[in-house]
C-alpha atoms as a PDB file:
ATOM      1  CA  MET A   1       0.007  -0.005   0.003  1.00  0.00           C
ATOM      2  CA  GLY A   2       1.475   3.362  -1.017  1.00  0.00           C
ATOM      3  CA  LEU A   3       1.368   5.895   1.733  1.00  0.00           C
ATOM      4  CA  ARG A   4       1.900   9.592   1.473  1.00  0.00           C
ATOM      5  CA  ILE A   5       0.608  12.715   3.139  1.00  0.00           C
ATOM      6  CA  ASN A   6      -2.110  14.144   0.877  1.00  0.00           C
ATOM      7  CA  HIS A   7      -2.552  17.485   2.674  1.00  0.00           C
ATOM      8  CA  VAL A   8      -1.507  19.709   5.525  1.00  0.00           C
ATOM      9  CA  SER A   9      -3.996  22.126   7.075  1.00  0.00           C
ATOM     10  CA  VAL A  10      -2.905  25.407   8.682  1.00  0.00           C
ATOM     11  CA  ASN A  11      -4.604  28.400  10.118  1.00  0.00           C
ATOM     12  CA  ALA A  12      -4.908  31.723   8.280  1.00  0.00           C
ATOM     13  CA  THR A  13      -5.925  34.866  10.167  1.00  0.00           C
ATOM     14  CA  ASP A  14      -6.613  36.550   6.793  1.00  0.00           C
ATOM     15  CA  LEU A  15      -7.398  33.896   4.197  1.00  0.00           C
ATOM     16  CA  GLN A  16      -6.672  35.994   1.102  1.00  0.00           C
ATOM     17  CA  GLU A  17      -3.404  37.322   2.493  1.00  0.00           C
ATOM     18  CA  SER A  18      -2.271  33.748   3.211  1.00  0.00           C
ATOM     19  CA  VAL A  19      -3.368  32.533  -0.247  1.00  0.00           C
ATOM     20  CA  ASP A  20      -1.369  35.343  -1.854  1.00  0.00           C
ATOM     21  CA  PHE A  21       1.651  34.480   0.302  1.00  0.00           C
ATOM     22  CA  TYR A  22       1.757  30.823  -0.739  1.00  0.00           C
ATOM     23  CA  VAL A  23       1.078  31.615  -4.407  1.00  0.00           C
ATOM     24  CA  ASP A  24       3.932  34.192  -4.428  1.00  0.00           C
ATOM     25  CA  LEU A  25       6.390  32.218  -2.294  1.00  0.00           C
ATOM     26  CA  LEU A  26       5.881  28.677  -3.673  1.00  0.00           C
ATOM     27  CA  GLY A  27       3.794  29.000  -6.826  1.00  0.00           C
ATOM     28  CA  ALA A  28       0.871  27.278  -5.084  1.00  0.00           C
ATOM     29  CA  GLU A  29      -2.183  26.793  -7.262  1.00  0.00           C
ATOM     30  CA  PRO A  30      -5.653  27.623  -5.775  1.00  0.00           C
ATOM     31  CA  LEU A  31      -8.057  24.731  -6.153  1.00  0.00           C
ATOM     32  CA  THR A  32     -11.834  24.525  -6.109  1.00  0.00           C
ATOM     33  CA  THR A  33     -12.732  24.070  -2.451  1.00  0.00           C
ATOM     34  CA  PRO A  34     -15.894  22.679  -0.819  1.00  0.00           C
ATOM     35  CA  ASN A  35     -17.922  24.824   1.547  1.00  0.00           C
ATOM     36  CA  PHE A  36     -16.973  23.933   5.145  1.00  0.00           C
ATOM     37  CA  GLY A  37     -19.062  26.698   6.702  1.00  0.00           C
ATOM     38  CA  ILE A  38     -15.925  28.734   7.472  1.00  0.00           C
ATOM     39  CA  PRO A  39     -13.498  30.436   4.992  1.00  0.00           C
ATOM     40  CA  VAL A  40     -11.277  27.693   3.573  1.00  0.00           C
ATOM     41  CA  GLN A  41      -8.998  27.552   0.517  1.00  0.00           C
ATOM     42  CA  TRP A  42      -7.269  24.475  -0.834  1.00  0.00           C
ATOM     43  CA  LEU A  43      -3.941  24.987  -2.637  1.00  0.00           C
ATOM     44  CA  ALA A  44      -1.938  22.535  -4.750  1.00  0.00           C
ATOM     45  CA  LEU A  45       1.763  22.132  -3.931  1.00  0.00           C
ATOM     46  CA  GLY A  46       2.798  19.471  -6.416  1.00  0.00           C
ATOM     47  CA  ARG A  47       0.941  16.258  -5.486  1.00  0.00           C
ATOM     48  CA  THR A  48       0.207  17.511  -1.945  1.00  0.00           C
ATOM     49  CA  GLN A  49      -2.391  20.038  -0.963  1.00  0.00           C
ATOM     50  CA  LEU A  50      -2.156  22.818   1.616  1.00  0.00           C
ATOM     51  CA  HIS A  51      -5.523  23.648   3.205  1.00  0.00           C
ATOM     52  CA  LEU A  52      -5.851  27.093   4.680  1.00  0.00           C
ATOM     53  CA  PHE A  53      -8.731  27.797   7.128  1.00  0.00           C
ATOM     54  CA  GLU A  54      -9.462  31.226   8.548  1.00  0.00           C
ATOM     55  CA  ARG A  55      -9.592  31.358  12.339  1.00  0.00           C
ATOM     56  CA  ASP A  56      -8.189  33.659  14.981  1.00  0.00           C
ATOM     57  CA  LEU A  57      -5.635  31.184  16.363  1.00  0.00           C
ATOM     58  CA  GLN A  58      -1.976  31.599  17.298  1.00  0.00           C
ATOM     59  CA  PRO A  59       0.582  29.021  16.059  1.00  0.00           C
ATOM     60  CA  THR A  60       3.112  27.364  18.311  1.00  0.00           C
ATOM     61  CA  SER A  61       6.810  28.298  18.126  1.00  0.00           C
ATOM     62  CA  HIS A  62       8.227  25.166  16.482  1.00  0.00           C
ATOM     63  CA  HIS A  63       5.246  23.353  14.913  1.00  0.00           C
ATOM     64  CA  HIS A  64       5.916  23.424  11.184  1.00  0.00           C
ATOM     65  CA  PHE A  65       5.713  21.612   7.875  1.00  0.00           C
ATOM     66  CA  GLY A  66       8.484  21.129   5.348  1.00  0.00           C
ATOM     67  CA  ILE A  67       8.403  21.631   1.568  1.00  0.00           C
ATOM     68  CA  THR A  68      11.117  20.494  -0.833  1.00  0.00           C
ATOM     69  CA  VAL A  69      12.006  22.825  -3.729  1.00  0.00           C
ATOM     70  CA  ASP A  70      14.485  22.422  -6.536  1.00  0.00           C
ATOM     71  CA  ASP A  71      15.810  25.971  -6.289  1.00  0.00           C
ATOM     72  CA  LEU A  72      15.860  27.817  -3.003  1.00  0.00           C
ATOM     73  CA  GLU A  73      16.851  31.227  -4.354  1.00  0.00           C
ATOM     74  CA  PRO A  74      13.432  32.336  -5.784  1.00  0.00           C
ATOM     75  CA  VAL A  75      11.693  31.294  -2.492  1.00  0.00           C
ATOM     76  CA  TYR A  76      14.333  33.194  -0.503  1.00  0.00           C
ATOM     77  CA  ARG A  77      13.867  36.305  -2.637  1.00  0.00           C
ATOM     78  CA  ALA A  78      10.058  36.160  -2.235  1.00  0.00           C
ATOM     79  CA  ALA A  79      10.399  35.689   1.534  1.00  0.00           C
ATOM     80  CA  ASP A  80      12.806  38.684   1.631  1.00  0.00           C
ATOM     81  CA  ARG A  81      10.309  40.890  -0.212  1.00  0.00           C
ATOM     82  CA  ARG A  82       7.633  39.876   2.260  1.00  0.00           C
ATOM     83  CA  GLY A  83       9.783  40.151   5.399  1.00  0.00           C
ATOM     84  CA  ALA A  84       8.882  36.537   6.151  1.00  0.00           C
ATOM     85  CA  PHE A  85      12.196  35.160   7.515  1.00  0.00           C
ATOM     86  CA  ASP A  86      12.270  33.385  10.876  1.00  0.00           C
ATOM     87  CA  ASP A  87      15.648  33.652  12.661  1.00  0.00           C
ATOM     88  CA  ILE A  88      14.369  32.531  16.047  1.00  0.00           C
ATOM     89  CA  ALA A  89      12.875  29.014  16.044  1.00  0.00           C
ATOM     90  CA  PHE A  90      15.956  27.221  14.729  1.00  0.00           C
ATOM     91  CA  LYS A  91      18.427  30.076  15.428  1.00  0.00           C
ATOM     92  CA  ASN A  92      18.891  31.175  11.792  1.00  0.00           C
ATOM     93  CA  ARG A  93      16.837  31.545   8.620  1.00  0.00           C
ATOM     94  CA  LEU A  94      19.265  29.376   6.607  1.00  0.00           C
ATOM     95  CA  VAL A  95      20.515  26.160   8.206  1.00  0.00           C
ATOM     96  CA  GLU A  96      22.608  23.357   6.705  1.00  0.00           C
ATOM     97  CA  LEU A  97      21.770  19.828   7.778  1.00  0.00           C
ATOM     98  CA  PRO A  98      24.083  16.812   7.539  1.00  0.00           C
ATOM     99  CA  GLY A  99      23.978  15.492   3.969  1.00  0.00           C
ATOM    100  CA  ASP A 100      24.193  18.923   2.297  1.00  0.00           C
ATOM    101  CA  VAL A 101      20.555  19.935   2.671  1.00  0.00           C
ATOM    102  CA  VAL A 102      19.756  23.605   3.185  1.00  0.00           C
ATOM    103  CA  GLN A 103      16.687  24.645   5.165  1.00  0.00           C
ATOM    104  CA  LEU A 104      15.060  28.044   4.934  1.00  0.00           C
ATOM    105  CA  TYR A 105      12.709  29.015   7.784  1.00  0.00           C
ATOM    106  CA  VAL A 106       9.901  31.479   7.155  1.00  0.00           C
ATOM    107  CA  ARG A 107       6.628  32.494   8.750  1.00  0.00           C
ATOM    108  CA  ASP A 108       3.421  32.964   6.798  1.00  0.00           C
ATOM    109  CA  PRO A 109       1.087  35.942   7.461  1.00  0.00           C
ATOM    110  CA  ALA A 110      -0.667  34.014  10.293  1.00  0.00           C
ATOM    111  CA  GLY A 111       2.690  33.193  11.943  1.00  0.00           C
ATOM    112  CA  ASN A 112       2.866  29.534  10.872  1.00  0.00           C
ATOM    113  CA  LEU A 113       6.440  28.257  10.627  1.00  0.00           C
ATOM    114  CA  ILE A 114       7.418  26.743   7.246  1.00  0.00           C
ATOM    115  CA  GLU A 115      10.608  24.864   6.501  1.00  0.00           C
ATOM    116  CA  ILE A 116      11.723  25.016   2.870  1.00  0.00           C
ATOM    117  CA  ASP A 117      14.282  22.345   1.991  1.00  0.00           C
ATOM    118  CA  ALA A 118      16.671  22.167  -0.983  1.00  0.00           C
ATOM    119  CA  PRO A 119      19.746  20.130  -1.796  1.00  0.00           C
ATOM    120  CA  GLY A 120      23.182  21.663  -2.175  1.00  0.00           C
ATOM    121  CA  LYS A 121      24.681  24.622  -0.327  1.00  0.00           C
ATOM    122  CA  ASP A 122      27.035  25.169  -3.296  1.00  0.00           C
ATOM    123  CA  ARG A 123      23.950  25.936  -5.421  1.00  0.00           C
ATOM    124  CA  LEU A 124      23.243  29.042  -3.280  1.00  0.00           C
ATOM    125  CA  PRO A 125      24.313  32.481  -4.490  1.00  0.00           C
ATOM    126  CA  ASP A 126      27.095  34.121  -2.436  1.00  0.00           C
ATOM    127  CA  ASP A 127      24.796  36.401  -0.461  1.00  0.00           C
ATOM    128  CA  MET A 128      22.675  33.464   0.748  1.00  0.00           C
ATOM    129  CA  ARG A 129      25.697  31.233   1.414  1.00  0.00           C
ATOM    130  CA  ALA A 130      27.200  33.975   3.610  1.00  0.00           C
ATOM    131  CA  GLN A 131      24.113  33.735   5.882  1.00  0.00           C
ATOM    132  CA  LEU A 132      24.091  29.912   6.082  1.00  0.00           C
ATOM    133  CA  LYS A 133      24.764  28.351   9.493  1.00  0.00           C
ATOM    134  CA  GLN A 134      25.460  24.659  10.012  1.00  0.00           C
ATOM    135  CA  LEU A 135      23.242  22.883  12.550  1.00  0.00           C
ATOM    136  CA  TRP A 136      26.342  21.422  14.221  1.00  0.00           C
ATOM    137  CA  ASP A 137      27.595  24.993  14.843  1.00  0.00           C
ATOM    138  CA  PHE A 138      24.668  25.354  17.261  1.00  0.00           C
ATOM    139  CA  TYR A 139      24.522  21.832  18.717  1.00  0.00           C
ATOM    140  CA  PRO A 140      27.331  19.223  18.917  1.00  0.00           C
ATOM    141  CA  HIS A 141      26.769  16.174  16.738  1.00  0.00           C
ATOM    142  CA  THR A 142      28.089  12.633  17.046  1.00  0.00           C
ATOM    143  CA  ASP A 143      29.273  10.754  13.940  1.00  0.00           C
ATOM    144  CA  ASP A 144      25.970   8.871  13.991  1.00  0.00           C
ATOM    145  CA  GLN A 145      23.973  12.112  14.094  1.00  0.00           C
ATOM    146  CA  MET A 146      26.135  13.512  11.222  1.00  0.00           C
ATOM    147  CA  SER A 147      24.984  10.511   9.107  1.00  0.00           C
ATOM    148  CA  ALA A 148      21.289  11.468   9.460  1.00  0.00           C
ATOM    149  CA  ARG A 149      19.614  12.420   6.178  1.00  0.00           C
ATOM    150  CA  LEU A 150      16.473  14.386   5.402  1.00  0.00           C
ATOM    151  CA  PHE A 151      14.754  12.890   2.361  1.00  0.00           C
ATOM    152  CA  VAL A 152      14.994  15.387  -0.501  1.00  0.00           C
ATOM    153  CA  PRO A 153      14.263  13.799  -3.858  1.00  0.00           C
ATOM    154  CA  ASP A 154      16.424  14.760  -6.805  1.00  0.00           C
END
């Protein structure tokens, strides 16, 4: 049986503002959405959907979802235009994991934390690479921990 996550649902304090954010940042595609009796918008992110629902709720500090992209630079530039970087939850907006995976941390308009993952620190332009911190710079890692890998398909 093939298993995969088919959608993630997050809060939006202003539904249209959040829709615009995900369309601009990730190229999300708005989908026809059923009526749930509250403002809801489904978005396509590849084969996975992101469901936004409008409620006056506050997100937690570290609860997040991760999205893999082929090229981190356009996402970084869109986040920069929107002032969406998060430098607090994981100590820096750009973090390198063992296995040469770069993570970008941003917050959407409702404050939800999003982790954007891409392979290859050497693929980053100089200005982004200069901001990159390695996870093991913050926390010591054993050899076993350095062998951990986040799945990022090619």
